[in-house]
């Protein structure tokens, strides 16, 4: 996993990243693990007005990457704007809970092993009043989990779509929230106003002790908040809130989502500990049942795992499968 740090405007960050890869003779468009079809190009064109209205900065970053790469920005937009909506990647697991001063968000990112060299851990210190953040991604612009300078942490899981819309996709929505929101409730309000293009869950936690799972698609959004009735929240790749169950699709490979959901549920129901960080790591490494124990020879694996303790302002990163490798504290970013 590449560790990188950037300063400047969205365009400047994009150009710096794209040019670095250009001089390393890496072409991002050649590394995309799916074809850039006419369907993707048309869908990206349909989404573009939503980005122009709500998130023009990220279009500037994509333009910067393309110019740094000496590539066509429209081709990069076709790759990025259709993610999670066209040929969705339905995998990953998230959990959140509070124990004393600890406010924990944990996430396993499950993906294709062939993309290992493209995984990035980035710290972006943005100009223009946007919040600085540290995040992880397989898709160089979008973020799949992260924490910002105010202690808001968010992780996503993709859900197979029943419906699709011309709006922001999961990874863009998450990054938008990190750049602009301080709390879980602010993130929830932000999601309600934005056009959504894909189906997903967000698990979020903040330093006040709030946490929630947000299930949403272009038609609906529901929230389950951490409270006395729900002392922990978690998500995989299927909607579980009652009003969202009608959007489930069963006939696809979801990388054992049901089994992963049951493992997390069982861990919280049967074993509780005051050592919040160790407990989260043990759940993510599969101590309580199947969560990341993939057969790597199939091309599937957990490619990183992260634990954010926003109550204590700390994070631990595992740059691989936590069943085989350890979480290591990362103190580069202060929040």
C-alpha atoms as a PDB file:
ATOM      1  CA  UNK A   1       0.000   0.000   0.000  1.00  0.00           C
ATOM      2  CA  UNK A   2       1.417   3.360  -1.047  1.00  0.00           C
ATOM      3  CA  UNK A   3       1.588   6.022   1.685  1.00  0.00           C
ATOM      4  CA  UNK A   4       1.377   9.514   0.256  1.00  0.00           C
ATOM      5  CA  UNK A   5       0.846  13.068   1.479  1.00  0.00           C
ATOM      6  CA  UNK A   6      -0.333  15.983  -0.636  1.00  0.00           C
ATOM      7  CA  UNK A   7      -0.847  19.718  -0.111  1.00  0.00           C
ATOM      8  CA  UNK A   8      -2.742  22.246  -2.204  1.00  0.00           C
ATOM      9  CA  UNK A   9      -5.917  22.622  -4.210  1.00  0.00           C
ATOM     10  CA  UNK A  10      -7.767  19.632  -5.585  1.00  0.00           C
ATOM     11  CA  UNK A  11      -6.296  20.292  -9.023  1.00  0.00           C
ATOM     12  CA  UNK A  12      -2.755  20.628  -7.656  1.00  0.00           C
ATOM     13  CA  UNK A  13      -3.074  17.404  -5.664  1.00  0.00           C
ATOM     14  CA  UNK A  14      -4.408  15.603  -8.717  1.00  0.00           C
ATOM     15  CA  UNK A  15      -1.696  16.907 -11.019  1.00  0.00           C
ATOM     16  CA  UNK A  16       1.057  15.999  -8.550  1.00  0.00           C
ATOM     17  CA  UNK A  17      -0.275  12.460  -8.196  1.00  0.00           C
ATOM     18  CA  UNK A  18      -0.760  11.967 -11.938  1.00  0.00           C
ATOM     19  CA  UNK A  19       2.656  13.318 -12.856  1.00  0.00           C
ATOM     20  CA  UNK A  20       4.428  11.205 -10.226  1.00  0.00           C
ATOM     21  CA  UNK A  21       2.937   8.101 -11.791  1.00  0.00           C
ATOM     22  CA  UNK A  22       3.722   9.335 -15.305  1.00  0.00           C
ATOM     23  CA  UNK A  23       7.424   9.602 -14.494  1.00  0.00           C
ATOM     24  CA  UNK A  24       7.274   6.123 -12.974  1.00  0.00           C
ATOM     25  CA  UNK A  25       5.846   4.972 -16.339  1.00  0.00           C
ATOM     26  CA  UNK A  26       2.528   3.959 -14.742  1.00  0.00           C
ATOM     27  CA  UNK A  27      -0.630   4.544 -16.761  1.00  0.00           C
ATOM     28  CA  UNK A  28      -3.748   4.551 -14.578  1.00  0.00           C
ATOM     29  CA  UNK A  29      -6.112   3.795 -17.445  1.00  0.00           C
ATOM     30  CA  UNK A  30      -4.112   0.678 -18.264  1.00  0.00           C
ATOM     31  CA  UNK A  31      -4.391  -0.509 -14.649  1.00  0.00           C
ATOM     32  CA  UNK A  32      -8.201  -0.388 -14.428  1.00  0.00           C
ATOM     33  CA  UNK A  33      -9.419  -3.982 -13.753  1.00  0.00           C
ATOM     34  CA  UNK A  34     -12.540  -3.651 -15.957  1.00  0.00           C
ATOM     35  CA  UNK A  35     -13.307  -2.379 -19.477  1.00  0.00           C
ATOM     36  CA  UNK A  36     -14.255   1.265 -19.991  1.00  0.00           C
ATOM     37  CA  UNK A  37     -17.447   0.517 -21.920  1.00  0.00           C
ATOM     38  CA  UNK A  38     -19.826   2.844 -23.734  1.00  0.00           C
ATOM     39  CA  UNK A  39     -22.283   2.228 -20.889  1.00  0.00           C
ATOM     40  CA  UNK A  40     -19.763   3.596 -18.405  1.00  0.00           C
ATOM     41  CA  UNK A  41     -19.014   6.593 -20.591  1.00  0.00           C
ATOM     42  CA  UNK A  42     -22.709   7.452 -20.985  1.00  0.00           C
ATOM     43  CA  UNK A  43     -23.394   6.979 -17.282  1.00  0.00           C
ATOM     44  CA  UNK A  44     -20.487   9.248 -16.332  1.00  0.00           C
ATOM     45  CA  UNK A  45     -21.798  11.905 -18.704  1.00  0.00           C
ATOM     46  CA  UNK A  46     -25.197  11.638 -17.011  1.00  0.00           C
ATOM     47  CA  UNK A  47     -23.624  12.039 -13.558  1.00  0.00           C
ATOM     48  CA  UNK A  48     -21.391  14.946 -14.481  1.00  0.00           C
ATOM     49  CA  UNK A  49     -23.992  17.715 -13.913  1.00  0.00           C
ATOM     50  CA  UNK A  50     -24.402  16.523 -10.289  1.00  0.00           C
ATOM     51  CA  UNK A  51     -20.653  16.797  -9.761  1.00  0.00           C
ATOM     52  CA  UNK A  52     -20.548  20.195 -11.461  1.00  0.00           C
ATOM     53  CA  UNK A  53     -23.188  21.449  -9.025  1.00  0.00           C
ATOM     54  CA  UNK A  54     -22.176  19.727  -5.800  1.00  0.00           C
ATOM     55  CA  UNK A  55     -18.555  18.634  -6.112  1.00  0.00           C
ATOM     56  CA  UNK A  56     -16.745  20.545  -8.897  1.00  0.00           C
ATOM     57  CA  UNK A  57     -13.501  20.324  -6.915  1.00  0.00           C
ATOM     58  CA  UNK A  58     -13.232  16.586  -7.482  1.00  0.00           C
ATOM     59  CA  UNK A  59     -13.724  17.071 -11.232  1.00  0.00           C
ATOM     60  CA  UNK A  60     -10.785  19.489 -11.040  1.00  0.00           C
ATOM     61  CA  UNK A  61      -8.749  16.817  -9.269  1.00  0.00           C
ATOM     62  CA  UNK A  62      -9.576  14.292 -11.982  1.00  0.00           C
ATOM     63  CA  UNK A  63      -8.563  16.862 -14.612  1.00  0.00           C
ATOM     64  CA  UNK A  64      -5.309  17.385 -12.716  1.00  0.00           C
ATOM     65  CA  UNK A  65      -4.593  13.648 -12.647  1.00  0.00           C
ATOM     66  CA  UNK A  66      -5.331  13.360 -16.360  1.00  0.00           C
ATOM     67  CA  UNK A  67      -3.062  16.273 -17.276  1.00  0.00           C
ATOM     68  CA  UNK A  68      -0.314  14.912 -15.042  1.00  0.00           C
ATOM     69  CA  UNK A  69      -0.745  11.531 -16.739  1.00  0.00           C
ATOM     70  CA  UNK A  70      -1.033  13.043 -20.242  1.00  0.00           C
ATOM     71  CA  UNK A  71      -4.379  11.233 -20.453  1.00  0.00           C
ATOM     72  CA  UNK A  72      -7.968  11.984 -21.455  1.00  0.00           C
ATOM     73  CA  UNK A  73      -9.947  13.290 -18.426  1.00  0.00           C
ATOM     74  CA  UNK A  74     -13.197  12.004 -19.928  1.00  0.00           C
ATOM     75  CA  UNK A  75     -11.815   8.467 -19.842  1.00  0.00           C
ATOM     76  CA  UNK A  76     -10.856   8.870 -16.183  1.00  0.00           C
ATOM     77  CA  UNK A  77     -14.320  10.249 -15.407  1.00  0.00           C
ATOM     78  CA  UNK A  78     -15.852   7.225 -17.123  1.00  0.00           C
ATOM     79  CA  UNK A  79     -13.841   4.992 -14.793  1.00  0.00           C
ATOM     80  CA  UNK A  80     -14.501   6.912 -11.593  1.00  0.00           C
ATOM     81  CA  UNK A  81     -18.016   8.337 -11.793  1.00  0.00           C
ATOM     82  CA  UNK A  82     -19.634   4.983 -12.552  1.00  0.00           C
ATOM     83  CA  UNK A  83     -18.010   3.041  -9.720  1.00  0.00           C
ATOM     84  CA  UNK A  84     -20.332   1.258  -7.279  1.00  0.00           C
ATOM     85  CA  UNK A  85     -23.207   1.737  -9.760  1.00  0.00           C
ATOM     86  CA  UNK A  86     -21.948  -0.128 -12.852  1.00  0.00           C
ATOM     87  CA  UNK A  87     -20.295  -3.509 -12.211  1.00  0.00           C
ATOM     88  CA  UNK A  88     -20.407  -2.835  -8.463  1.00  0.00           C
ATOM     89  CA  UNK A  89     -17.855  -4.330  -6.092  1.00  0.00           C
ATOM     90  CA  UNK A  90     -19.951  -5.734  -3.256  1.00  0.00           C
ATOM     91  CA  UNK A  91     -17.636  -6.599  -0.391  1.00  0.00           C
ATOM     92  CA  UNK A  92     -16.030  -5.131   2.806  1.00  0.00           C
ATOM     93  CA  UNK A  93     -17.102  -5.095   6.475  1.00  0.00           C
ATOM     94  CA  UNK A  94     -17.519  -2.213   8.963  1.00  0.00           C
ATOM     95  CA  UNK A  95     -18.281  -1.919  12.679  1.00  0.00           C
ATOM     96  CA  UNK A  96     -18.570   0.865  15.249  1.00  0.00           C
ATOM     97  CA  UNK A  97     -19.068   1.018  19.015  1.00  0.00           C
ATOM     98  CA  UNK A  98     -18.189   3.022  22.107  1.00  0.00           C
ATOM     99  CA  UNK A  99     -16.476   1.786  25.285  1.00  0.00           C
ATOM    100  CA  UNK A 100     -15.534   4.376  27.878  1.00  0.00           C
ATOM    101  CA  UNK A 101     -13.426   7.072  26.222  1.00  0.00           C
ATOM    102  CA  UNK A 102     -12.911   4.878  23.144  1.00  0.00           C
ATOM    103  CA  UNK A 103     -15.062   5.517  20.065  1.00  0.00           C
ATOM    104  CA  UNK A 104     -14.189   2.854  17.525  1.00  0.00           C
ATOM    105  CA  UNK A 105     -14.702   2.482  13.784  1.00  0.00           C
ATOM    106  CA  UNK A 106     -13.186  -0.630  12.222  1.00  0.00           C
ATOM    107  CA  UNK A 107     -13.171  -1.691   8.593  1.00  0.00           C
ATOM    108  CA  UNK A 108     -11.851  -4.521   6.428  1.00  0.00           C
ATOM    109  CA  UNK A 109     -11.428  -3.727   2.749  1.00  0.00           C
ATOM    110  CA  UNK A 110     -11.939  -6.849   0.649  1.00  0.00           C
ATOM    111  CA  UNK A 111     -10.885  -6.641  -2.970  1.00  0.00           C
ATOM    112  CA  UNK A 112      -9.048  -8.314  -5.841  1.00  0.00           C
ATOM    113  CA  UNK A 113      -5.445  -9.269  -5.167  1.00  0.00           C
ATOM    114  CA  UNK A 114      -4.435  -8.177  -8.675  1.00  0.00           C
ATOM    115  CA  UNK A 115      -4.950  -4.538  -7.653  1.00  0.00           C
ATOM    116  CA  UNK A 116      -2.625  -4.720  -4.628  1.00  0.00           C
ATOM    117  CA  UNK A 117      -0.056  -2.336  -6.110  1.00  0.00           C
ATOM    118  CA  UNK A 118      -2.737   0.332  -6.638  1.00  0.00           C
ATOM    119  CA  UNK A 119      -3.974   0.563  -3.026  1.00  0.00           C
ATOM    120  CA  UNK A 120      -3.256   3.956  -1.460  1.00  0.00           C
ATOM    121  CA  UNK A 121      -3.192   5.456   1.995  1.00  0.00           C
ATOM    122  CA  UNK A 122      -3.269   9.216   1.536  1.00  0.00           C
ATOM    123  CA  UNK A 123      -3.135  12.324   3.677  1.00  0.00           C
ATOM    124  CA  UNK A 124      -4.658  15.283   1.855  1.00  0.00           C
ATOM    125  CA  UNK A 125      -4.136  18.758   3.317  1.00  0.00           C
ATOM    126  CA  UNK A 126      -6.438  20.760   1.090  1.00  0.00           C
ATOM    127  CA  UNK A 127      -6.425  24.476   0.375  1.00  0.00           C
ATOM    128  CA  UNK A 128      -9.630  26.477   0.241  1.00  0.00           C
ATOM    129  CA  UNK A 129     -11.135  25.724   3.639  1.00  0.00           C
ATOM    130  CA  UNK A 130     -11.689  21.992   3.144  1.00  0.00           C
ATOM    131  CA  UNK A 131     -10.866  19.689   6.053  1.00  0.00           C
ATOM    132  CA  UNK A 132      -7.661  17.684   5.947  1.00  0.00           C
ATOM    133  CA  UNK A 133      -8.101  13.917   6.094  1.00  0.00           C
ATOM    134  CA  UNK A 134      -6.312  10.585   5.997  1.00  0.00           C
ATOM    135  CA  UNK A 135      -7.988   7.849   3.970  1.00  0.00           C
ATOM    136  CA  UNK A 136      -7.633   4.588   2.117  1.00  0.00           C
ATOM    137  CA  UNK A 137      -8.654   3.799  -1.439  1.00  0.00           C
ATOM    138  CA  UNK A 138      -8.356   1.373  -4.335  1.00  0.00           C
ATOM    139  CA  UNK A 139      -9.524   4.093  -6.751  1.00  0.00           C
ATOM    140  CA  UNK A 140      -7.086   7.036  -6.285  1.00  0.00           C
ATOM    141  CA  UNK A 141      -9.732   9.793  -6.006  1.00  0.00           C
ATOM    142  CA  UNK A 142     -12.605   8.234  -4.127  1.00  0.00           C
ATOM    143  CA  UNK A 143     -12.143   7.240  -0.482  1.00  0.00           C
ATOM    144  CA  UNK A 144     -13.391   3.974   1.001  1.00  0.00           C
ATOM    145  CA  UNK A 145     -12.614   4.815   4.610  1.00  0.00           C
ATOM    146  CA  UNK A 146     -10.959   7.708   6.376  1.00  0.00           C
ATOM    147  CA  UNK A 147     -10.847  10.196   9.238  1.00  0.00           C
ATOM    148  CA  UNK A 148     -10.654  13.978   9.090  1.00  0.00           C
ATOM    149  CA  UNK A 149      -8.967  16.580  11.277  1.00  0.00           C
ATOM    150  CA  UNK A 150     -12.118  16.992  13.404  1.00  0.00           C
ATOM    151  CA  UNK A 151     -12.305  13.303  14.297  1.00  0.00           C
ATOM    152  CA  UNK A 152     -15.106  12.192  11.953  1.00  0.00           C
ATOM    153  CA  UNK A 153     -14.368   8.686  10.640  1.00  0.00           C
ATOM    154  CA  UNK A 154     -16.397   6.965   7.926  1.00  0.00           C
ATOM    155  CA  UNK A 155     -16.197   3.604   6.143  1.00  0.00           C
ATOM    156  CA  UNK A 156     -18.297   2.253   3.297  1.00  0.00           C
ATOM    157  CA  UNK A 157     -19.572  -1.045   1.987  1.00  0.00           C
ATOM    158  CA  UNK A 158     -21.067  -1.348  -1.484  1.00  0.00           C
ATOM    159  CA  UNK A 159     -24.489  -2.947  -2.018  1.00  0.00           C
ATOM    160  CA  UNK A 160     -25.673  -4.498  -5.291  1.00  0.00           C
ATOM    161  CA  UNK A 161     -28.036  -1.929  -6.851  1.00  0.00           C
ATOM    162  CA  UNK A 162     -31.714  -2.417  -7.533  1.00  0.00           C
ATOM    163  CA  UNK A 163     -31.815   1.185  -8.743  1.00  0.00           C
ATOM    164  CA  UNK A 164     -29.247   3.559 -10.170  1.00  0.00           C
ATOM    165  CA  UNK A 165     -29.200   7.338 -10.401  1.00  0.00           C
ATOM    166  CA  UNK A 166     -27.205  10.177 -11.921  1.00  0.00           C
ATOM    167  CA  UNK A 167     -25.493  11.339  -8.761  1.00  0.00           C
ATOM    168  CA  UNK A 168     -22.416  10.974  -6.569  1.00  0.00           C
ATOM    169  CA  UNK A 169     -21.255   7.435  -5.907  1.00  0.00           C
ATOM    170  CA  UNK A 170     -20.282   5.837  -2.598  1.00  0.00           C
ATOM    171  CA  UNK A 171     -16.580   6.714  -2.605  1.00  0.00           C
ATOM    172  CA  UNK A 172     -17.231  10.293  -3.666  1.00  0.00           C
ATOM    173  CA  UNK A 173     -19.958  10.766  -1.045  1.00  0.00           C
ATOM    174  CA  UNK A 174     -17.622   9.510   1.669  1.00  0.00           C
ATOM    175  CA  UNK A 175     -14.808  11.821   0.613  1.00  0.00           C
ATOM    176  CA  UNK A 176     -17.220  14.770   0.312  1.00  0.00           C
ATOM    177  CA  UNK A 177     -18.216  14.155   3.933  1.00  0.00           C
ATOM    178  CA  UNK A 178     -14.628  13.985   5.174  1.00  0.00           C
ATOM    179  CA  UNK A 179     -13.834  17.301   3.498  1.00  0.00           C
ATOM    180  CA  UNK A 180     -16.869  19.134   4.875  1.00  0.00           C
ATOM    181  CA  UNK A 181     -18.368  17.497   7.983  1.00  0.00           C
ATOM    182  CA  UNK A 182     -17.319  17.438  11.645  1.00  0.00           C
ATOM    183  CA  UNK A 183     -19.879  15.030  13.121  1.00  0.00           C
ATOM    184  CA  UNK A 184     -21.998  11.999  12.272  1.00  0.00           C
ATOM    185  CA  UNK A 185     -25.184  14.076  12.303  1.00  0.00           C
ATOM    186  CA  UNK A 186     -23.668  16.646   9.970  1.00  0.00           C
ATOM    187  CA  UNK A 187     -22.671  13.818   7.620  1.00  0.00           C
ATOM    188  CA  UNK A 188     -26.223  12.414   7.733  1.00  0.00           C
ATOM    189  CA  UNK A 189     -27.700  15.826   6.876  1.00  0.00           C
ATOM    190  CA  UNK A 190     -25.203  16.210   4.048  1.00  0.00           C
ATOM    191  CA  UNK A 191     -26.114  12.840   2.532  1.00  0.00           C
ATOM    192  CA  UNK A 192     -29.797  13.771   2.591  1.00  0.00           C
ATOM    193  CA  UNK A 193     -29.220  16.782   0.337  1.00  0.00           C
ATOM    194  CA  UNK A 194     -26.853  15.163  -2.173  1.00  0.00           C
ATOM    195  CA  UNK A 195     -27.961  13.225  -5.282  1.00  0.00           C
ATOM    196  CA  UNK A 196     -26.888   9.592  -4.888  1.00  0.00           C
ATOM    197  CA  UNK A 197     -25.885   7.408  -7.819  1.00  0.00           C
ATOM    198  CA  UNK A 198     -25.140   4.047  -6.174  1.00  0.00           C
ATOM    199  CA  UNK A 199     -26.272   1.730  -3.367  1.00  0.00           C
ATOM    200  CA  UNK A 200     -24.156   1.479  -0.194  1.00  0.00           C
ATOM    201  CA  UNK A 201     -23.832   1.657   3.542  1.00  0.00           C
ATOM    202  CA  UNK A 202     -21.764   4.142   5.514  1.00  0.00           C
ATOM    203  CA  UNK A 203     -20.602   3.438   9.047  1.00  0.00           C
ATOM    204  CA  UNK A 204     -19.585   6.662  10.789  1.00  0.00           C
ATOM    205  CA  UNK A 205     -18.273   7.695  14.208  1.00  0.00           C
ATOM    206  CA  UNK A 206     -17.124  10.980  15.725  1.00  0.00           C
ATOM    207  CA  UNK A 207     -15.232  12.178  18.789  1.00  0.00           C
ATOM    208  CA  UNK A 208     -18.449  13.137  20.635  1.00  0.00           C
ATOM    209  CA  UNK A 209     -19.241   9.417  20.906  1.00  0.00           C
ATOM    210  CA  UNK A 210     -21.881   9.337  18.197  1.00  0.00           C
ATOM    211  CA  UNK A 211     -21.930   6.511  15.641  1.00  0.00           C
ATOM    212  CA  UNK A 212     -24.366   5.254  13.032  1.00  0.00           C
ATOM    213  CA  UNK A 213     -24.901   2.974  10.059  1.00  0.00           C
ATOM    214  CA  UNK A 214     -26.497   4.734   7.103  1.00  0.00           C
ATOM    215  CA  UNK A 215     -28.092   2.576   4.401  1.00  0.00           C
ATOM    216  CA  UNK A 216     -28.870   4.493   1.212  1.00  0.00           C
ATOM    217  CA  UNK A 217     -29.472   4.367  -2.521  1.00  0.00           C
ATOM    218  CA  UNK A 218     -30.845   6.836  -5.097  1.00  0.00           C
ATOM    219  CA  UNK A 219     -34.391   6.364  -3.757  1.00  0.00           C
ATOM    220  CA  UNK A 220     -34.124   6.082   0.011  1.00  0.00           C
ATOM    221  CA  UNK A 221     -31.920   6.549   3.082  1.00  0.00           C
ATOM    222  CA  UNK A 222     -32.320   5.083   6.577  1.00  0.00           C
ATOM    223  CA  UNK A 223     -30.134   5.493   9.669  1.00  0.00           C
ATOM    224  CA  UNK A 224     -29.450   3.257  12.668  1.00  0.00           C
ATOM    225  CA  UNK A 225     -27.761   5.264  15.434  1.00  0.00           C
ATOM    226  CA  UNK A 226     -25.688   4.027  18.339  1.00  0.00           C
ATOM    227  CA  UNK A 227     -27.902   4.153  21.459  1.00  0.00           C
ATOM    228  CA  UNK A 228     -29.069   2.011  24.388  1.00  0.00           C
ATOM    229  CA  UNK A 229     -31.054  -0.216  22.043  1.00  0.00           C
ATOM    230  CA  UNK A 230     -28.143  -0.443  19.591  1.00  0.00           C
ATOM    231  CA  UNK A 231     -24.873  -0.443  21.613  1.00  0.00           C
ATOM    232  CA  UNK A 232     -22.973  -1.363  18.445  1.00  0.00           C
ATOM    233  CA  UNK A 233     -23.600  -0.889  14.717  1.00  0.00           C
ATOM    234  CA  UNK A 234     -22.108  -2.714  11.757  1.00  0.00           C
ATOM    235  CA  UNK A 235     -22.567  -3.345   8.047  1.00  0.00           C
ATOM    236  CA  UNK A 236     -21.544  -5.660   5.247  1.00  0.00           C
ATOM    237  CA  UNK A 237     -22.916  -5.719   1.678  1.00  0.00           C
ATOM    238  CA  UNK A 238     -26.646  -6.125   2.169  1.00  0.00           C
ATOM    239  CA  UNK A 239     -29.276  -3.759   3.520  1.00  0.00           C
ATOM    240  CA  UNK A 240     -30.576  -4.863   6.930  1.00  0.00           C
ATOM    241  CA  UNK A 241     -32.775  -1.987   8.121  1.00  0.00           C
ATOM    242  CA  UNK A 242     -36.432  -2.933   7.713  1.00  0.00           C
ATOM    243  CA  UNK A 243     -37.408  -0.245   5.232  1.00  0.00           C
ATOM    244  CA  UNK A 244     -34.375  -1.027   3.023  1.00  0.00           C
ATOM    245  CA  UNK A 245     -34.837  -4.802   2.764  1.00  0.00           C
ATOM    246  CA  UNK A 246     -36.955  -4.478  -0.377  1.00  0.00           C
ATOM    247  CA  UNK A 247     -33.773  -3.320  -2.162  1.00  0.00           C
ATOM    248  CA  UNK A 248     -31.919  -6.565  -1.536  1.00  0.00           C
ATOM    249  CA  UNK A 249     -30.591  -8.674  -4.397  1.00  0.00           C
ATOM    250  CA  UNK A 250     -29.590 -12.235  -3.542  1.00  0.00           C
ATOM    251  CA  UNK A 251     -28.354 -13.819  -6.796  1.00  0.00           C
ATOM    252  CA  UNK A 252     -24.762 -12.607  -6.977  1.00  0.00           C
ATOM    253  CA  UNK A 253     -21.371 -13.299  -5.382  1.00  0.00           C
ATOM    254  CA  UNK A 254     -21.216 -11.088  -2.280  1.00  0.00           C
ATOM    255  CA  UNK A 255     -18.106 -12.748  -0.841  1.00  0.00           C
ATOM    256  CA  UNK A 256     -19.956 -14.436   2.031  1.00  0.00           C
ATOM    257  CA  UNK A 257     -21.673 -11.274   3.247  1.00  0.00           C
ATOM    258  CA  UNK A 258     -24.230 -13.215   5.312  1.00  0.00           C
ATOM    259  CA  UNK A 259     -21.489 -15.162   7.079  1.00  0.00           C
ATOM    260  CA  UNK A 260     -19.498 -11.984   7.758  1.00  0.00           C
ATOM    261  CA  UNK A 261     -22.576 -10.260   9.162  1.00  0.00           C
ATOM    262  CA  UNK A 262     -23.268 -13.186  11.489  1.00  0.00           C
ATOM    263  CA  UNK A 263     -19.646 -13.229  12.672  1.00  0.00           C
ATOM    264  CA  UNK A 264     -19.743  -9.575  13.729  1.00  0.00           C
ATOM    265  CA  UNK A 265     -23.160  -9.962  15.326  1.00  0.00           C
ATOM    266  CA  UNK A 266     -22.002 -13.017  17.268  1.00  0.00           C
ATOM    267  CA  UNK A 267     -18.805 -11.315  18.445  1.00  0.00           C
ATOM    268  CA  UNK A 268     -20.736  -8.390  19.915  1.00  0.00           C
ATOM    269  CA  UNK A 269     -23.474 -10.571  21.366  1.00  0.00           C
ATOM    270  CA  UNK A 270     -21.277 -13.175  23.050  1.00  0.00           C
ATOM    271  CA  UNK A 271     -17.981 -11.484  23.890  1.00  0.00           C
ATOM    272  CA  UNK A 272     -17.586  -7.957  25.144  1.00  0.00           C
ATOM    273  CA  UNK A 273     -14.387  -6.443  26.431  1.00  0.00           C
ATOM    274  CA  UNK A 274     -13.216  -3.199  27.956  1.00  0.00           C
ATOM    275  CA  UNK A 275     -10.109  -3.385  25.741  1.00  0.00           C
ATOM    276  CA  UNK A 276     -11.974  -1.775  22.869  1.00  0.00           C
ATOM    277  CA  UNK A 277      -9.098  -1.523  20.386  1.00  0.00           C
ATOM    278  CA  UNK A 278      -7.973  -5.145  20.821  1.00  0.00           C
ATOM    279  CA  UNK A 279     -11.562  -6.342  20.575  1.00  0.00           C
ATOM    280  CA  UNK A 280     -12.080  -4.496  17.283  1.00  0.00           C
ATOM    281  CA  UNK A 281      -8.833  -5.884  15.879  1.00  0.00           C
ATOM    282  CA  UNK A 282      -9.781  -9.422  16.918  1.00  0.00           C
ATOM    283  CA  UNK A 283     -13.173  -9.155  15.225  1.00  0.00           C
ATOM    284  CA  UNK A 284     -11.571  -7.843  12.036  1.00  0.00           C
ATOM    285  CA  UNK A 285      -8.892 -10.555  11.998  1.00  0.00           C
ATOM    286  CA  UNK A 286     -11.573 -13.267  12.199  1.00  0.00           C
ATOM    287  CA  UNK A 287     -11.059 -14.475  15.765  1.00  0.00           C
ATOM    288  CA  UNK A 288     -14.814 -14.926  16.235  1.00  0.00           C
ATOM    289  CA  UNK A 289     -15.570 -16.530  12.879  1.00  0.00           C
ATOM    290  CA  UNK A 290     -15.237 -15.906   9.161  1.00  0.00           C
ATOM    291  CA  UNK A 291     -14.509 -12.325   8.200  1.00  0.00           C
ATOM    292  CA  UNK A 292     -11.242 -12.192   6.253  1.00  0.00           C
ATOM    293  CA  UNK A 293     -10.111 -15.818   5.884  1.00  0.00           C
ATOM    294  CA  UNK A 294     -10.189 -15.853   2.086  1.00  0.00           C
ATOM    295  CA  UNK A 295      -8.293 -18.313  -0.077  1.00  0.00           C
ATOM    296  CA  UNK A 296      -5.879 -15.884  -1.696  1.00  0.00           C
ATOM    297  CA  UNK A 297      -5.305 -18.205  -4.660  1.00  0.00           C
ATOM    298  CA  UNK A 298      -8.842 -17.382  -5.837  1.00  0.00           C
ATOM    299  CA  UNK A 299      -7.796 -13.758  -6.384  1.00  0.00           C
ATOM    300  CA  UNK A 300      -9.918 -12.537  -3.459  1.00  0.00           C
ATOM    301  CA  UNK A 301      -8.594 -11.245  -0.154  1.00  0.00           C
ATOM    302  CA  UNK A 302      -8.808  -8.601   2.535  1.00  0.00           C
ATOM    303  CA  UNK A 303      -6.319  -6.070   1.174  1.00  0.00           C
ATOM    304  CA  UNK A 304      -6.217  -3.752   4.199  1.00  0.00           C
ATOM    305  CA  UNK A 305      -7.809  -3.360   7.619  1.00  0.00           C
ATOM    306  CA  UNK A 306      -8.037  -0.259   9.793  1.00  0.00           C
ATOM    307  CA  UNK A 307      -9.167   0.662  13.305  1.00  0.00           C
ATOM    308  CA  UNK A 308      -9.947   4.308  14.087  1.00  0.00           C
ATOM    309  CA  UNK A 309     -10.314   5.326  17.740  1.00  0.00           C
ATOM    310  CA  UNK A 310     -11.705   8.823  17.288  1.00  0.00           C
ATOM    311  CA  UNK A 311     -12.268   9.169  21.023  1.00  0.00           C
ATOM    312  CA  UNK A 312      -8.528   8.899  21.660  1.00  0.00           C
ATOM    313  CA  UNK A 313      -7.371  10.344  18.336  1.00  0.00           C
ATOM    314  CA  UNK A 314      -5.495   7.219  17.209  1.00  0.00           C
ATOM    315  CA  UNK A 315      -5.574   4.806  14.287  1.00  0.00           C
ATOM    316  CA  UNK A 316      -4.055   1.431  13.476  1.00  0.00           C
ATOM    317  CA  UNK A 317      -3.516   0.196   9.941  1.00  0.00           C
ATOM    318  CA  UNK A 318      -2.922  -3.308   8.628  1.00  0.00           C
ATOM    319  CA  UNK A 319      -1.526  -3.180   5.099  1.00  0.00           C
ATOM    320  CA  UNK A 320      -2.795  -6.611   4.151  1.00  0.00           C
ATOM    321  CA  UNK A 321      -5.030  -9.320   5.555  1.00  0.00           C
ATOM    322  CA  UNK A 322      -5.297  -8.993   9.381  1.00  0.00           C
ATOM    323  CA  UNK A 323      -5.592 -12.787   9.656  1.00  0.00           C
ATOM    324  CA  UNK A 324      -1.926 -12.925   8.601  1.00  0.00           C
ATOM    325  CA  UNK A 325      -0.554  -9.457   9.446  1.00  0.00           C
ATOM    326  CA  UNK A 326      -0.769  -7.077  12.411  1.00  0.00           C
ATOM    327  CA  UNK A 327      -2.397  -3.694  12.836  1.00  0.00           C
ATOM    328  CA  UNK A 328       0.313  -1.060  13.403  1.00  0.00           C
ATOM    329  CA  UNK A 329      -0.320   2.336  14.979  1.00  0.00           C
ATOM    330  CA  UNK A 330       0.006   5.198  12.491  1.00  0.00           C
ATOM    331  CA  UNK A 331       0.642   8.576  14.092  1.00  0.00           C
ATOM    332  CA  UNK A 332       1.295  10.668  10.977  1.00  0.00           C
ATOM    333  CA  UNK A 333      -2.087  12.436  11.002  1.00  0.00           C
ATOM    334  CA  UNK A 334      -3.344  14.348  14.029  1.00  0.00           C
ATOM    335  CA  UNK A 335      -7.107  14.435  14.642  1.00  0.00           C
END
